Amino acid sequence: MTRLTPKPILLTLAVAALVVTAGICSKGRAQTSGGPTSARFAFQSLGIKADEAVVVSVASTSAIPPPCRIRLFDADGTVAADSGEFRVTSMGIVHFTVNFAKLNISENRQGRKQFHVVVTVQRNPDDPNAPPDPCRPGVELVNARTGHTFGISDPPDPDFTF
């Protein structure tokens, strides 16, 4: 029968403590320095006709809102409308409306202007506890004369890989 002495037990406990400590420290560093720096929401292709408009909304879900930007692209990937960088107020909403005439895209044979919306949300360095996608975008198509919504685009999942 083998008798355990305190020395091997203490040595085993010391090694185990080092392994656990190293794991906790490396996990903490990965969480604070890693992660995505921004999220991109690329909506499906849409089209509007004369007397119609697209309204892109961005709602903040963070106490410290990060920088955001809305761009509309034509079929060739050229920017047709750009909101410029903005910040949504804490728990607020920003609307970016572009009507048919201001959308810098040629009409197709049916009189429509086809485009897709991309919303980019930067990760806020002032809020390390914010989720990777601290703003949620939405897109609706409206009648420019009445303001009535006639179409809503389902929000895409955020892309963190671009």
Protein backbone atom coordinates (compact mmCIF):
# COMPACT_ATOMS: atom_id res chain seq x y z
CA MET A 1 0.00 0.00 0.00
CA THR A 2 1.36 3.40 -1.05
CA ARG A 3 1.32 6.06 1.55
CA LEU A 4 0.70 9.67 0.43
CA THR A 5 2.90 12.23 2.01
CA PRO A 6 2.04 15.94 2.23
CA LYS A 7 4.78 16.96 -0.22
CA PRO A 8 3.28 15.28 -3.39
CA ILE A 9 -0.20 16.44 -2.44
CA LEU A 10 0.95 20.05 -2.04
CA LEU A 11 2.90 19.88 -5.30
CA THR A 12 -0.19 18.57 -7.14
CA LEU A 13 -2.39 21.28 -5.64
CA ALA A 14 0.13 24.00 -6.58
CA VAL A 15 0.28 22.81 -10.22
CA ALA A 16 -3.53 22.67 -10.36
CA ALA A 17 -3.79 26.20 -8.97
CA LEU A 18 -1.34 27.48 -11.60
CA VAL A 19 -3.29 25.85 -14.41
CA VAL A 20 -6.59 27.30 -13.18
CA THR A 21 -5.05 30.78 -12.69
CA ALA A 22 -3.50 30.74 -16.17
CA GLY A 23 -6.83 29.74 -17.69
CA ILE A 24 -8.74 32.50 -15.91
CA CYS A 25 -6.18 35.18 -16.82
CA SER A 26 -6.06 34.21 -20.49
CA LYS A 27 -9.86 34.10 -20.65
CA GLY A 28 -10.08 37.62 -19.23
CA ARG A 29 -7.58 38.96 -21.77
CA ALA A 30 -9.41 37.34 -24.67
CA GLN A 31 -12.71 38.89 -23.61
CA THR A 32 -11.41 42.43 -23.22
CA SER A 33 -9.14 42.60 -26.25
CA GLY A 34 -10.95 40.28 -28.65
CA GLY A 35 -14.32 40.35 -30.28
CA PRO A 36 -15.66 42.16 -33.31
CA THR A 37 -14.95 45.84 -33.83
CA SER A 38 -18.14 46.40 -35.83
CA ALA A 39 -21.30 44.75 -37.10
CA ARG A 40 -22.73 45.05 -40.60
CA PHE A 41 -26.40 44.51 -41.42
CA ALA A 42 -26.85 43.90 -45.17
CA PHE A 43 -30.52 43.93 -46.18
CA GLN A 44 -32.01 42.20 -49.20
CA SER A 45 -32.46 44.00 -52.51
CA LEU A 46 -35.39 46.42 -52.63
CA GLY A 47 -36.93 48.77 -55.18
CA ILE A 48 -39.05 51.89 -55.15
CA LYS A 49 -40.97 53.87 -57.78
CA ALA A 50 -41.82 57.57 -58.12
CA ASP A 51 -43.77 58.90 -55.09
CA GLU A 52 -42.15 56.23 -52.86
CA ALA A 53 -39.34 56.40 -50.34
CA VAL A 54 -37.19 54.14 -48.20
CA VAL A 55 -36.91 54.81 -44.46
CA VAL A 56 -34.01 53.18 -42.62
CA SER A 57 -34.29 53.25 -38.83
CA VAL A 58 -31.55 52.50 -36.33
CA ALA A 59 -32.56 51.91 -32.71
CA SER A 60 -29.99 51.96 -29.91
CA THR A 61 -30.07 49.16 -27.34
CA SER A 62 -27.04 50.53 -25.50
CA ALA A 63 -26.65 53.16 -22.79
CA ILE A 64 -23.61 54.53 -24.64
CA PRO A 65 -24.54 54.51 -28.36
CA PRO A 66 -21.77 53.71 -30.85
CA PRO A 67 -21.10 55.33 -34.23
CA CYS A 68 -23.40 54.11 -37.03
CA ARG A 69 -23.65 54.66 -40.79
CA ILE A 70 -26.35 53.88 -43.35
CA ARG A 71 -25.55 53.38 -47.04
CA LEU A 72 -27.73 52.46 -49.99
CA PHE A 73 -25.96 50.70 -52.87
CA ASP A 74 -27.02 50.19 -56.47
CA ALA A 75 -26.72 46.84 -58.27
CA ASP A 76 -23.08 47.57 -59.17
CA GLY A 77 -22.09 48.27 -55.55
CA THR A 78 -21.86 52.04 -56.00
CA VAL A 79 -23.01 54.16 -53.05
CA ALA A 80 -26.31 55.80 -54.03
CA ALA A 81 -27.08 57.45 -50.67
CA ASP A 82 -25.06 57.87 -47.49
CA SER A 83 -26.18 59.09 -44.07
CA GLY A 84 -22.66 59.88 -42.93
CA GLU A 85 -21.57 58.78 -39.49
CA PHE A 86 -24.00 59.46 -36.64
CA ARG A 87 -24.77 58.35 -33.10
CA VAL A 88 -28.21 57.39 -31.90
CA THR A 89 -29.16 58.86 -28.53
CA SER A 90 -29.21 56.41 -25.64
CA MET A 91 -32.14 54.04 -26.25
CA GLY A 92 -33.29 56.32 -29.10
CA ILE A 93 -34.04 55.91 -32.81
CA VAL A 94 -32.66 57.68 -35.89
CA HIS A 95 -34.52 57.67 -39.23
CA PHE A 96 -32.79 58.14 -42.59
CA THR A 97 -35.31 58.79 -45.37
CA VAL A 98 -34.43 58.79 -49.06
CA ASN A 99 -37.16 59.47 -51.61
CA PHE A 100 -37.16 58.30 -55.21
CA ALA A 101 -35.85 61.58 -56.65
CA LYS A 102 -32.89 61.76 -54.24
CA LEU A 103 -31.80 58.17 -54.77
CA ASN A 104 -28.83 58.42 -57.12
CA ILE A 105 -29.73 55.33 -59.22
CA SER A 106 -30.96 54.93 -62.79
CA GLU A 107 -34.48 53.61 -63.23
CA ASN A 108 -35.00 50.18 -64.76
CA ARG A 109 -37.54 49.57 -67.57
CA GLN A 110 -40.38 49.28 -65.08
CA GLY A 111 -39.58 52.71 -63.60
CA ARG A 112 -38.07 51.26 -60.42
CA LYS A 113 -34.80 52.06 -58.67
CA GLN A 114 -33.25 48.89 -57.24
CA PHE A 115 -30.88 49.08 -54.26
CA HIS A 116 -29.84 47.36 -51.07
CA VAL A 117 -29.27 48.86 -47.63
CA VAL A 118 -26.20 48.29 -45.46
CA VAL A 119 -26.07 49.56 -41.88
CA THR A 120 -22.69 49.51 -40.15
CA VAL A 121 -22.44 49.79 -36.37
CA GLN A 122 -19.01 50.34 -34.82
CA ARG A 123 -18.24 48.82 -31.44
CA ASN A 124 -18.06 51.61 -28.88
CA PRO A 125 -14.63 51.69 -27.19
CA ASP A 126 -16.18 53.75 -24.35
CA ASP A 127 -18.52 50.88 -23.45
CA PRO A 128 -16.56 47.61 -23.12
CA ASN A 129 -19.66 45.83 -21.76
CA ALA A 130 -21.83 46.65 -24.77
CA PRO A 131 -23.05 43.77 -26.93
CA PRO A 132 -21.32 43.37 -30.31
CA ASP A 133 -24.44 44.71 -32.06
CA PRO A 134 -25.65 47.55 -29.79
CA CYS A 135 -28.02 48.98 -32.42
CA ARG A 136 -30.82 47.30 -34.37
CA PRO A 137 -31.72 48.54 -37.86
CA GLY A 138 -34.97 48.31 -39.78
CA VAL A 139 -36.04 49.19 -43.33
CA GLU A 140 -39.49 50.16 -44.53
CA LEU A 141 -40.86 51.31 -47.86
CA VAL A 142 -43.38 54.14 -47.68
CA ASN A 143 -45.66 56.13 -49.94
CA ALA A 144 -43.93 59.54 -49.99
CA ARG A 145 -47.23 61.43 -50.32
CA THR A 146 -49.19 59.75 -47.55
CA GLY A 147 -46.41 58.35 -45.35
CA HIS A 148 -48.14 54.97 -45.24
CA THR A 149 -45.83 51.96 -45.01
CA PHE A 150 -46.38 49.38 -47.74
CA GLY A 151 -43.35 47.15 -47.19
CA ILE A 152 -40.98 46.08 -44.43
CA SER A 153 -37.71 44.25 -44.97
CA ASP A 154 -36.85 41.54 -42.47
CA PRO A 155 -33.76 42.53 -40.48
CA PRO A 156 -30.71 40.44 -41.34
CA ASP A 157 -28.40 38.84 -38.81
CA PRO A 158 -25.34 40.97 -38.08
CA ASP A 159 -22.14 40.11 -39.97
CA PHE A 160 -19.01 40.43 -37.85
CA THR A 161 -16.60 39.00 -40.44
CA PHE A 162 -16.17 41.83 -42.93
